[in-house]
Amino acid sequence: FNTLICKQTNVWLGGYQAILWDMSVNQYNFYLDEMIKHWNCYVISELERRGHSPWMISMDTLFDSD
């Protein structure tokens, strides 16, 4: 478990505290999920722009029924 990543994530989320404060649990979970997906797309595009080759595990591999 990477505690440094957790600390960085908490700092990042702190910037959205005013928005998140008044949300219901369902709204918060949805918003957080969308923000994380947006951030992940940004990180992947930045890595590709810098010449790196990030890869993603396919859904079939993650949820193989075998």
C-alpha atoms as a PDB file:
ATOM      1  CA  PHE A   1       0.000   0.000   0.000  1.00  0.00           C
ATOM      2  CA  ASN A   2       1.489   3.325  -1.053  1.00  0.00           C
ATOM      3  CA  THR A   3       0.982   5.927   1.695  1.00  0.00           C
ATOM      4  CA  LEU A   4       2.643   8.670  -0.358  1.00  0.00           C
ATOM      5  CA  ILE A   5       0.011   8.235  -3.080  1.00  0.00           C
ATOM      6  CA  CYS A   6      -2.717   8.396  -0.413  1.00  0.00           C
ATOM      7  CA  LYS A   7      -1.296  11.651   0.946  1.00  0.00           C
ATOM      8  CA  GLN A   8      -1.062  13.150  -2.547  1.00  0.00           C
ATOM      9  CA  THR A   9      -4.645  12.078  -3.305  1.00  0.00           C
ATOM     10  CA  ASN A  10      -5.910  13.664  -0.094  1.00  0.00           C
ATOM     11  CA  VAL A  11      -4.148  16.927  -0.945  1.00  0.00           C
ATOM     12  CA  TRP A  12      -5.632  16.800  -4.452  1.00  0.00           C
ATOM     13  CA  LEU A  13      -9.129  16.173  -3.061  1.00  0.00           C
ATOM     14  CA  GLY A  14      -8.660  18.986  -0.547  1.00  0.00           C
ATOM     15  CA  GLY A  15      -8.833  21.394  -3.460  1.00  0.00           C
ATOM     16  CA  TYR A  16     -12.405  20.236  -4.070  1.00  0.00           C
ATOM     17  CA  GLN A  17     -13.501  20.290  -0.432  1.00  0.00           C
ATOM     18  CA  ALA A  18     -15.927  23.189  -0.903  1.00  0.00           C
ATOM     19  CA  ILE A  19     -17.695  21.285  -3.694  1.00  0.00           C
ATOM     20  CA  LEU A  20     -17.680  17.913  -1.913  1.00  0.00           C
ATOM     21  CA  TRP A  21     -18.788  19.188   1.494  1.00  0.00           C
ATOM     22  CA  ASP A  22     -22.498  19.557   0.694  1.00  0.00           C
ATOM     23  CA  MET A  23     -22.901  16.408  -1.394  1.00  0.00           C
ATOM     24  CA  SER A  24     -24.860  13.339  -0.421  1.00  0.00           C
ATOM     25  CA  VAL A  25     -22.986  10.030  -0.237  1.00  0.00           C
ATOM     26  CA  ASN A  26     -24.195   8.988  -3.693  1.00  0.00           C
ATOM     27  CA  GLN A  27     -23.305  12.332  -5.255  1.00  0.00           C
ATOM     28  CA  TYR A  28     -19.886  12.260  -3.590  1.00  0.00           C
ATOM     29  CA  ASN A  29     -19.138   8.731  -4.816  1.00  0.00           C
ATOM     30  CA  PHE A  30     -20.247   9.584  -8.356  1.00  0.00           C
ATOM     31  CA  TYR A  31     -18.260  12.829  -8.444  1.00  0.00           C
ATOM     32  CA  LEU A  32     -15.161  11.176  -7.035  1.00  0.00           C
ATOM     33  CA  ASP A  33     -15.397   8.327  -9.554  1.00  0.00           C
ATOM     34  CA  GLU A  34     -15.716  10.800 -12.440  1.00  0.00           C
ATOM     35  CA  MET A  35     -12.837  12.956 -11.200  1.00  0.00           C
ATOM     36  CA  ILE A  36     -10.549   9.942 -10.844  1.00  0.00           C
ATOM     37  CA  LYS A  37     -11.414   8.759 -14.367  1.00  0.00           C
ATOM     38  CA  HIS A  38     -10.719  12.264 -15.695  1.00  0.00           C
ATOM     39  CA  TRP A  39      -7.391  12.423 -13.835  1.00  0.00           C
ATOM     40  CA  ASN A  40      -6.364   8.975 -15.106  1.00  0.00           C
ATOM     41  CA  CYS A  41      -7.067  10.023 -18.721  1.00  0.00           C
ATOM     42  CA  TYR A  42      -4.955  13.140 -18.179  1.00  0.00           C
ATOM     43  CA  VAL A  43      -2.051  11.140 -16.724  1.00  0.00           C
ATOM     44  CA  ILE A  44      -2.167   8.629 -19.587  1.00  0.00           C
ATOM     45  CA  SER A  45      -2.177  11.397 -22.204  1.00  0.00           C
ATOM     46  CA  GLU A  46       0.758  13.130 -20.495  1.00  0.00           C
ATOM     47  CA  LEU A  47       2.750   9.891 -20.393  1.00  0.00           C
ATOM     48  CA  GLU A  48       2.051   9.272 -24.091  1.00  0.00           C
ATOM     49  CA  ARG A  49       2.994  12.868 -24.924  1.00  0.00           C
ATOM     50  CA  ARG A  50       6.339  12.348 -23.189  1.00  0.00           C
ATOM     51  CA  GLY A  51       7.037   9.213 -25.229  1.00  0.00           C
ATOM     52  CA  HIS A  52       6.115   6.631 -22.625  1.00  0.00           C
ATOM     53  CA  SER A  53       3.854   3.694 -23.404  1.00  0.00           C
ATOM     54  CA  PRO A  54       1.327   3.272 -20.607  1.00  0.00           C
ATOM     55  CA  TRP A  55      -0.894   0.236 -20.906  1.00  0.00           C
ATOM     56  CA  MET A  56      -4.185  -0.756 -19.410  1.00  0.00           C
ATOM     57  CA  ILE A  57      -5.418  -4.195 -18.416  1.00  0.00           C
ATOM     58  CA  SER A  58      -8.401  -5.172 -20.541  1.00  0.00           C
ATOM     59  CA  MET A  59     -11.783  -5.701 -18.881  1.00  0.00           C
ATOM     60  CA  ASP A  60     -11.802  -9.277 -20.220  1.00  0.00           C
ATOM     61  CA  THR A  61      -8.622 -10.024 -18.307  1.00  0.00           C
ATOM     62  CA  LEU A  62      -9.941  -8.488 -15.106  1.00  0.00           C
ATOM     63  CA  PHE A  63     -13.320 -10.161 -15.248  1.00  0.00           C
ATOM     64  CA  ASP A  64     -12.531 -13.447 -16.982  1.00  0.00           C
ATOM     65  CA  SER A  65     -15.265 -15.975 -16.228  1.00  0.00           C
ATOM     66  CA  ASP A  66     -12.844 -18.950 -16.279  1.00  0.00           C
END
